């Protein structure tokens, strides 16, 4: 297990708040252009690098801030509220850092990369999707094969978010040519070790700034860049639960923005005085959903923290709760934004303007596609028969 400690965080709360506020301001100012042009949020990430928040999940022992899960979730929510694409890229990057920290060996090349990521604020992308596996994270076609003193890897990935802008990649593959589809390893590939060939176009409905086309990836890496922890363990302890927490935080941030725009619309209509109407009732219904999601997110982050730190094993109960969070956040946030659209009416239906819900709704509709909800519900249905809730 990697060098992660609960002893302290490497940045004060005040420093994290100040850095987050700076990045949020830039992300909000550029969100419309990022969405319209389907462009990587360059300005927001320049600010995140300058404020040292890109390395937020790098452990203190390797020169990073080593922020707690709850801190990571707060930042993801704030960034997501300002710009869904900025928040989601930042969240996905932190997930990769968390996996690398879990799977690195002290003094090894993965640990060295993490230290460099903290110093130089490197960006890491995930290459877990693959043509021919039906969206199953725990199945691979690609495999690693010995070549010289290292290993060769080729993968046809259907989606690689911000792949063209990354400094490194965390790639899943079978352990070898004869390995079973589920016998997987995770491999760190540095940008200079990789050849990328874009294999599809990117013009989606939402989350446009994540810049997530398909790529064919070819890499040759030294043996030390194959993570020491099997990917099945890495997925259960880090990638899946941390993804569900941070993705949900981004979606809740977007829903919070929709809620606030609707609230401001009602205040403007009422001149600051309360009204009893269907519109206000919708706001109350949205608030009920949003409050529930906030409680569920905070509980999930607190329950996951000791697992993230390696102080406690991942359990079936934790997996059920994390899956439930993801399903709830990916559906209820859309409901909140829909209530907000109904409250704002035609002003909300516009592509731009202070009450527009267009970008928010389009971004949120991606949520239920990121690990399909039906797959998670099916897993929970089986697991709930096998375990008691803690």
Protein backbone atom coordinates (compact mmCIF):
# COMPACT_ATOMS: atom_id res chain seq x y z
CA UNK A 1 0.00 0.00 0.00
CA UNK A 2 1.15 3.52 -0.76
CA UNK A 3 2.35 6.21 1.68
CA UNK A 4 -0.93 7.79 2.78
CA UNK A 5 -1.41 9.05 6.33
CA UNK A 6 -4.25 10.52 8.34
CA UNK A 7 -1.86 12.52 10.49
CA UNK A 8 -2.25 15.87 8.77
CA UNK A 9 -3.06 17.66 5.57
CA UNK A 10 -0.35 19.62 3.81
CA UNK A 11 -2.49 22.73 3.28
CA UNK A 12 -4.44 24.71 5.86
CA UNK A 13 -8.21 24.96 5.53
CA UNK A 14 -7.85 28.68 4.81
CA UNK A 15 -5.33 28.03 2.03
CA UNK A 16 -7.59 25.38 0.46
CA UNK A 17 -10.60 27.73 0.62
CA UNK A 18 -8.67 30.59 -0.94
CA UNK A 19 -7.26 28.42 -3.71
CA UNK A 20 -10.68 26.92 -4.42
CA UNK A 21 -12.32 30.33 -4.60
CA UNK A 22 -9.73 31.54 -7.11
CA UNK A 23 -10.25 28.51 -9.34
CA UNK A 24 -14.03 28.72 -9.03
CA UNK A 25 -14.04 32.35 -10.16
CA UNK A 26 -12.11 31.49 -13.32
CA UNK A 27 -14.15 28.36 -13.98
CA UNK A 28 -17.42 30.29 -13.70
CA UNK A 29 -16.20 33.04 -16.04
CA UNK A 30 -15.11 30.56 -18.72
CA UNK A 31 -17.81 27.86 -18.34
CA UNK A 32 -20.01 29.09 -21.19
CA UNK A 33 -17.12 29.24 -23.67
CA UNK A 34 -15.79 25.82 -22.58
CA UNK A 35 -19.27 24.35 -23.16
CA UNK A 36 -19.94 26.16 -26.42
CA UNK A 37 -16.58 25.28 -27.97
CA UNK A 38 -16.22 21.82 -26.34
CA UNK A 39 -12.76 22.99 -25.30
CA UNK A 40 -10.53 21.95 -22.42
CA UNK A 41 -10.84 24.48 -19.54
CA UNK A 42 -7.31 25.80 -19.94
CA UNK A 43 -7.72 28.95 -17.82
CA UNK A 44 -9.32 27.14 -14.88
CA UNK A 45 -6.62 24.48 -14.85
CA UNK A 46 -3.88 27.08 -15.06
CA UNK A 47 -5.34 28.57 -11.87
CA UNK A 48 -5.63 25.14 -10.24
CA UNK A 49 -1.98 24.47 -11.03
CA UNK A 50 -0.89 27.85 -9.74
CA UNK A 51 -2.82 27.32 -6.51
CA UNK A 52 -1.35 23.79 -6.10
CA UNK A 53 -4.79 22.16 -6.04
CA UNK A 54 -4.05 19.83 -8.95
CA UNK A 55 -2.01 17.62 -6.62
CA UNK A 56 -4.61 17.65 -3.84
CA UNK A 57 -4.73 13.87 -3.40
CA UNK A 58 -0.95 13.32 -3.43
CA UNK A 59 0.07 12.12 0.06
CA UNK A 60 1.99 14.46 2.35
CA UNK A 61 4.87 11.94 2.43
CA UNK A 62 5.36 12.53 -1.31
CA UNK A 63 5.15 16.31 -1.15
CA UNK A 64 1.42 16.77 -1.74
CA UNK A 65 -1.35 18.25 0.41
CA UNK A 66 -2.81 14.83 1.20
CA UNK A 67 -6.32 16.20 1.49
CA UNK A 68 -9.03 14.11 3.16
CA UNK A 69 -11.91 12.66 1.15
CA UNK A 70 -14.32 15.21 2.63
CA UNK A 71 -12.01 18.05 1.54
CA UNK A 72 -11.70 16.62 -1.96
CA UNK A 73 -15.50 16.36 -2.16
CA UNK A 74 -15.98 19.99 -1.09
CA UNK A 75 -13.58 21.19 -3.79
CA UNK A 76 -15.21 18.98 -6.43
CA UNK A 77 -18.63 20.33 -5.51
CA UNK A 78 -17.46 23.96 -5.67
CA UNK A 79 -15.75 23.49 -9.03
CA UNK A 80 -18.72 21.52 -10.42
CA UNK A 81 -21.11 24.28 -9.43
CA UNK A 82 -19.04 26.77 -11.42
CA UNK A 83 -18.35 24.52 -14.43
CA UNK A 84 -19.31 20.87 -14.68
CA UNK A 85 -16.46 19.97 -17.02
CA UNK A 86 -13.82 21.64 -14.83
CA UNK A 87 -15.16 19.89 -11.74
CA UNK A 88 -15.36 16.50 -13.44
CA UNK A 89 -11.84 16.65 -14.91
CA UNK A 90 -10.43 17.68 -11.54
CA UNK A 91 -12.36 14.89 -9.80
CA UNK A 92 -11.27 12.21 -12.29
CA UNK A 93 -7.66 13.34 -11.96
CA UNK A 94 -7.79 13.08 -8.14
CA UNK A 95 -9.19 9.55 -8.49
CA UNK A 96 -6.14 8.56 -10.57
CA UNK A 97 -3.80 10.11 -8.00
CA UNK A 98 -5.59 8.19 -5.25
CA UNK A 99 -5.16 4.93 -7.15
CA UNK A 100 -1.48 5.60 -7.78
CA UNK A 101 -0.94 6.37 -4.09
CA UNK A 102 -2.69 3.14 -3.10
CA UNK A 103 -0.66 1.04 -5.53
CA UNK A 104 2.80 2.57 -5.31
CA UNK A 105 5.89 1.21 -3.59
CA UNK A 106 8.01 3.61 -1.54
CA UNK A 107 11.01 4.71 -3.57
CA UNK A 108 9.68 3.17 -6.77
CA UNK A 109 8.91 4.84 -10.10
CA UNK A 110 5.19 5.30 -9.31
CA UNK A 111 6.06 7.06 -6.05
CA UNK A 112 8.56 9.18 -7.97
CA UNK A 113 5.85 10.14 -10.46
CA UNK A 114 3.49 11.13 -7.63
CA UNK A 115 6.17 13.34 -6.11
CA UNK A 116 6.69 14.92 -9.51
CA UNK A 117 2.92 15.33 -9.90
CA UNK A 118 2.88 17.31 -6.65
CA UNK A 119 5.85 19.46 -7.61
CA UNK A 120 4.96 20.10 -11.25
CA UNK A 121 1.17 19.76 -10.93
CA UNK A 122 0.91 16.99 -13.54
CA UNK A 123 -2.47 15.90 -14.92
CA UNK A 124 -3.34 12.17 -15.01
CA UNK A 125 -6.07 10.59 -17.16
CA UNK A 126 -7.82 7.24 -16.84
CA UNK A 127 -7.78 4.64 -19.62
CA UNK A 128 -10.23 2.06 -18.28
CA UNK A 129 -12.81 1.96 -21.09
CA UNK A 130 -12.22 -0.45 -23.94
CA UNK A 131 -13.88 -1.62 -27.10
CA UNK A 132 -15.39 -5.09 -26.71
CA UNK A 133 -15.97 -5.24 -22.92
CA UNK A 134 -19.48 -3.77 -22.77
CA UNK A 135 -18.56 -1.02 -20.33
CA UNK A 136 -17.38 -3.47 -17.65
CA UNK A 137 -14.58 -1.85 -15.63
CA UNK A 138 -13.46 -5.24 -14.34
CA UNK A 139 -12.89 -6.81 -17.76
CA UNK A 140 -10.02 -6.15 -20.18
CA UNK A 141 -9.09 -7.27 -23.69
CA UNK A 142 -5.72 -5.50 -23.74
CA UNK A 143 -2.80 -7.14 -21.97
CA UNK A 144 0.76 -6.35 -20.96
CA UNK A 145 3.53 -8.30 -22.70
CA UNK A 146 7.26 -8.40 -21.89
CA UNK A 147 9.41 -6.40 -24.28
CA UNK A 148 13.09 -5.95 -23.55
CA UNK A 149 13.46 -4.84 -19.94
CA UNK A 150 9.91 -3.48 -19.82
CA UNK A 151 6.39 -4.20 -20.97
CA UNK A 152 4.39 -3.32 -24.07
CA UNK A 153 0.72 -2.38 -23.89
CA UNK A 154 -1.80 -1.60 -26.64
CA UNK A 155 -5.38 -0.63 -25.89
CA UNK A 156 -8.37 0.55 -27.95
CA UNK A 157 -10.16 2.83 -25.49
CA UNK A 158 -13.64 4.10 -26.35
CA UNK A 159 -13.38 7.15 -24.07
CA UNK A 160 -10.33 8.89 -22.61
CA UNK A 161 -11.34 12.09 -20.88
CA UNK A 162 -8.86 14.95 -21.42
CA UNK A 163 -6.47 12.39 -22.91
CA UNK A 164 -4.86 14.87 -25.28
CA UNK A 165 -3.99 17.16 -22.34
CA UNK A 166 -2.71 14.62 -19.80
CA UNK A 167 0.85 14.18 -18.56
CA UNK A 168 0.28 10.57 -17.58
CA UNK A 169 -2.25 7.75 -17.88
CA UNK A 170 -3.51 5.03 -15.57
CA UNK A 171 -4.31 2.11 -17.89
CA UNK A 172 -6.07 -1.17 -17.08
CA UNK A 173 -5.10 -4.39 -18.86
CA UNK A 174 -4.88 -8.13 -18.38
CA UNK A 175 -1.83 -9.33 -16.50
CA UNK A 176 -0.54 -11.16 -19.59
CA UNK A 177 -1.56 -12.64 -22.94
CA UNK A 178 -2.94 -15.81 -21.29
CA UNK A 179 -4.61 -14.06 -18.33
CA UNK A 180 -8.37 -14.18 -17.82
CA UNK A 181 -10.34 -11.04 -18.73
CA UNK A 182 -10.78 -10.20 -15.04
CA UNK A 183 -7.13 -10.80 -14.06
CA UNK A 184 -6.16 -7.17 -14.40
CA UNK A 185 -3.31 -4.85 -13.52
CA UNK A 186 -3.13 -1.07 -13.52
CA UNK A 187 -0.25 0.51 -15.40
CA UNK A 188 1.17 4.02 -15.12
CA UNK A 189 2.25 5.36 -18.51
CA UNK A 190 3.99 8.72 -18.75
CA UNK A 191 3.11 10.95 -21.68
CA UNK A 192 6.50 10.49 -23.34
CA UNK A 193 6.09 6.70 -23.14
CA UNK A 194 2.78 6.78 -25.00
CA UNK A 195 1.61 7.05 -28.60
CA UNK A 196 -2.01 8.20 -28.91
CA UNK A 197 -4.17 7.94 -31.99
CA UNK A 198 -7.61 9.53 -31.73
CA UNK A 199 -10.25 7.05 -32.91
CA UNK A 200 -13.53 8.98 -32.62
CA UNK A 201 -14.93 12.49 -32.61
CA UNK A 202 -16.21 14.45 -29.61
CA UNK A 203 -19.39 16.50 -29.96
CA UNK A 204 -21.58 15.42 -27.02
CA UNK A 205 -24.68 16.89 -25.46
CA UNK A 206 -23.03 17.76 -22.14
CA UNK A 207 -19.76 17.70 -20.21
CA UNK A 208 -18.32 19.00 -23.45
CA UNK A 209 -15.16 20.44 -21.94
CA UNK A 210 -13.99 17.05 -20.69
CA UNK A 211 -12.78 16.39 -24.26
CA UNK A 212 -13.37 12.63 -24.14
CA UNK A 213 -13.01 10.97 -27.56
CA UNK A 214 -11.71 7.46 -28.04
CA UNK A 215 -7.99 6.78 -28.42
CA UNK A 216 -5.80 3.88 -29.44
CA UNK A 217 -2.96 3.83 -26.95
CA UNK A 218 0.42 2.17 -27.39
CA UNK A 219 3.04 2.29 -24.65
CA UNK A 220 6.23 0.65 -23.47
CA UNK A 221 6.84 1.05 -19.75
CA UNK A 222 9.35 -0.27 -17.20
CA UNK A 223 8.18 -3.09 -14.94
CA UNK A 224 8.05 -0.77 -11.93
CA UNK A 225 5.20 1.20 -13.49
CA UNK A 226 2.85 -1.77 -13.19
CA UNK A 227 1.16 -1.07 -9.86
CA UNK A 228 1.86 -3.54 -7.08
CA UNK A 229 -1.81 -3.87 -6.07
CA UNK A 230 -4.03 -6.00 -8.36
CA UNK A 231 -6.61 -3.88 -10.13
CA UNK A 232 -9.51 -5.77 -8.55
CA UNK A 233 -8.34 -4.64 -5.12
CA UNK A 234 -7.56 -1.16 -6.40
CA UNK A 235 -11.07 -0.83 -7.85
CA UNK A 236 -12.75 -1.98 -4.64
CA UNK A 237 -10.70 0.16 -2.26
CA UNK A 238 -10.06 3.30 -4.28
CA UNK A 239 -11.19 3.77 -7.86
CA UNK A 240 -14.89 2.89 -7.52
CA UNK A 241 -15.71 4.37 -4.09
CA UNK A 242 -13.67 7.52 -4.64
CA UNK A 243 -15.27 7.94 -8.08
CA UNK A 244 -18.76 7.69 -6.62
CA UNK A 245 -17.97 10.28 -3.93
CA UNK A 246 -16.24 12.82 -6.17
CA UNK A 247 -18.51 12.41 -9.22
CA UNK A 248 -21.53 12.82 -6.95
CA UNK A 249 -20.00 15.95 -5.45
CA UNK A 250 -19.65 17.47 -8.93
CA UNK A 251 -23.26 16.63 -9.82
CA UNK A 252 -24.52 18.00 -6.50
CA UNK A 253 -22.58 21.19 -7.23
CA UNK A 254 -24.38 21.54 -10.57
CA UNK A 255 -27.73 20.90 -8.88
CA UNK A 256 -26.90 23.51 -6.23
CA UNK A 257 -26.31 26.06 -8.97
CA UNK A 258 -29.64 25.19 -10.61
CA UNK A 259 -31.40 25.52 -7.25
CA UNK A 260 -29.84 28.91 -6.54
CA UNK A 261 -30.77 30.26 -9.97
CA UNK A 262 -34.37 29.18 -9.39
CA UNK A 263 -34.38 30.74 -5.93
CA UNK A 264 -33.09 34.02 -7.30
CA UNK A 265 -35.76 33.95 -10.01
CA UNK A 266 -38.52 33.53 -7.42
CA UNK A 267 -37.09 36.30 -5.25
CA UNK A 268 -36.99 38.61 -8.25
CA UNK A 269 -40.62 37.81 -9.10
CA UNK A 270 -41.81 38.26 -5.53
CA UNK A 271 -39.87 41.41 -4.85
CA UNK A 272 -38.39 39.73 -1.80
CA UNK A 273 -41.78 38.76 -0.33
CA UNK A 274 -42.89 35.18 0.14
CA UNK A 275 -45.58 33.71 -2.10
CA UNK A 276 -47.63 30.53 -1.85
CA UNK A 277 -47.74 29.04 -5.33
CA UNK A 278 -46.78 25.98 -7.35
CA UNK A 279 -43.40 27.53 -8.16
CA UNK A 280 -42.49 27.88 -4.48
CA UNK A 281 -43.66 24.33 -3.89
CA UNK A 282 -41.27 23.13 -6.58
CA UNK A 283 -38.44 24.99 -4.86
CA UNK A 284 -39.29 23.22 -1.59
CA UNK A 285 -39.34 19.85 -3.38
CA UNK A 286 -35.95 20.60 -4.93
CA UNK A 287 -34.58 21.60 -1.54
CA UNK A 288 -35.75 18.30 -0.06
CA UNK A 289 -33.86 16.38 -2.72
CA UNK A 290 -30.75 18.53 -2.46
CA UNK A 291 -30.62 18.31 1.33
CA UNK A 292 -30.92 14.54 1.17
CA UNK A 293 -28.09 14.28 -1.32
CA UNK A 294 -25.85 16.51 0.80
CA UNK A 295 -26.43 14.30 3.84
CA UNK A 296 -25.81 11.14 1.82
CA UNK A 297 -22.61 12.56 0.30
CA UNK A 298 -21.20 13.66 3.66
CA UNK A 299 -22.01 10.29 5.21
CA UNK A 300 -20.38 8.43 2.31
CA UNK A 301 -17.21 10.54 2.53
CA UNK A 302 -16.93 9.93 6.28
CA UNK A 303 -17.52 6.18 5.96
CA UNK A 304 -15.03 5.86 3.13
CA UNK A 305 -12.20 7.89 4.73
CA UNK A 306 -10.68 5.03 6.82
CA UNK A 307 -10.76 2.74 3.78
CA UNK A 308 -9.12 5.44 1.69
CA UNK A 309 -6.40 5.75 4.32
CA UNK A 310 -5.87 1.99 4.43
CA UNK A 311 -6.97 1.81 8.07
CA UNK A 312 -9.99 -0.36 7.31
CA UNK A 313 -10.86 -2.97 4.68
CA UNK A 314 -13.47 -2.27 2.03
CA UNK A 315 -16.72 -4.09 2.85
CA UNK A 316 -19.77 -5.15 0.90
CA UNK A 317 -21.83 -2.70 2.97
CA UNK A 318 -19.56 0.15 1.88
CA UNK A 319 -19.88 -0.88 -1.77
CA UNK A 320 -23.68 -0.93 -1.45
CA UNK A 321 -23.70 2.55 0.07
CA UNK A 322 -21.34 3.95 -2.55
CA UNK A 323 -23.39 2.49 -5.38
CA UNK A 324 -26.54 3.89 -3.80
CA UNK A 325 -24.95 7.34 -3.58
CA UNK A 326 -24.00 7.29 -7.24
CA UNK A 327 -27.47 6.19 -8.37
CA UNK A 328 -29.19 8.74 -6.13
CA UNK A 329 -26.95 11.63 -7.13
CA UNK A 330 -27.11 10.86 -10.85
CA UNK A 331 -30.92 10.85 -10.85
CA UNK A 332 -32.01 13.28 -8.13
CA UNK A 333 -29.73 16.06 -9.40
CA UNK A 334 -31.54 15.92 -12.74
CA UNK A 335 -34.86 16.19 -10.90
CA UNK A 336 -33.60 19.25 -9.03
CA UNK A 337 -32.53 20.93 -12.27
CA UNK A 338 -35.86 20.05 -13.87
CA UNK A 339 -37.73 21.68 -10.98
CA UNK A 340 -35.49 24.71 -11.43
CA UNK A 341 -36.28 24.82 -15.15
CA UNK A 342 -40.01 24.76 -14.43
CA UNK A 343 -39.59 27.61 -11.94
CA UNK A 344 -37.51 29.74 -14.31
CA UNK A 345 -39.72 29.04 -17.35
CA UNK A 346 -38.54 30.47 -20.64
CA UNK A 347 -35.63 32.24 -18.96
CA UNK A 348 -34.40 28.82 -17.87
CA UNK A 349 -35.01 27.38 -21.35
CA UNK A 350 -32.62 29.86 -22.97
CA UNK A 351 -29.10 28.76 -23.90
CA UNK A 352 -27.63 31.72 -22.02
CA UNK A 353 -28.57 34.23 -19.34
CA UNK A 354 -28.38 34.16 -15.55
CA UNK A 355 -31.33 31.76 -15.22
CA UNK A 356 -30.40 29.34 -18.01
CA UNK A 357 -30.58 25.64 -17.15
CA UNK A 358 -29.29 24.39 -20.49
CA UNK A 359 -25.66 23.61 -19.67
CA UNK A 360 -26.54 22.35 -16.20
CA UNK A 361 -29.14 19.87 -17.45
CA UNK A 362 -26.99 18.71 -20.36
CA UNK A 363 -24.06 18.09 -18.03
CA UNK A 364 -26.23 16.24 -15.52
CA UNK A 365 -27.70 13.88 -18.10
CA UNK A 366 -24.23 12.34 -18.45
CA UNK A 367 -24.30 11.20 -14.82
CA UNK A 368 -26.35 8.05 -15.20
CA UNK A 369 -24.08 6.88 -18.05
CA UNK A 370 -20.87 6.94 -15.98
CA UNK A 371 -20.99 3.31 -14.80
CA UNK A 372 -24.56 2.48 -15.80
CA UNK A 373 -27.09 2.74 -12.98
CA UNK A 374 -28.70 -0.58 -13.93
CA UNK A 375 -25.36 -2.34 -13.41
CA UNK A 376 -25.00 -0.77 -9.94
CA UNK A 377 -28.57 -1.56 -8.94
CA UNK A 378 -28.15 -5.17 -10.02
CA UNK A 379 -24.97 -5.44 -7.93
CA UNK A 380 -26.72 -3.93 -4.91
CA UNK A 381 -29.71 -6.25 -5.30
CA UNK A 382 -27.39 -9.26 -4.98
CA UNK A 383 -25.20 -7.78 -2.24
CA UNK A 384 -28.13 -6.74 -0.07
CA UNK A 385 -29.11 -10.40 0.22
CA UNK A 386 -25.63 -11.34 1.38
CA UNK A 387 -24.81 -8.68 3.98
CA UNK A 388 -26.38 -6.69 6.79
CA UNK A 389 -26.26 -2.91 6.76
CA UNK A 390 -23.71 -1.58 9.24
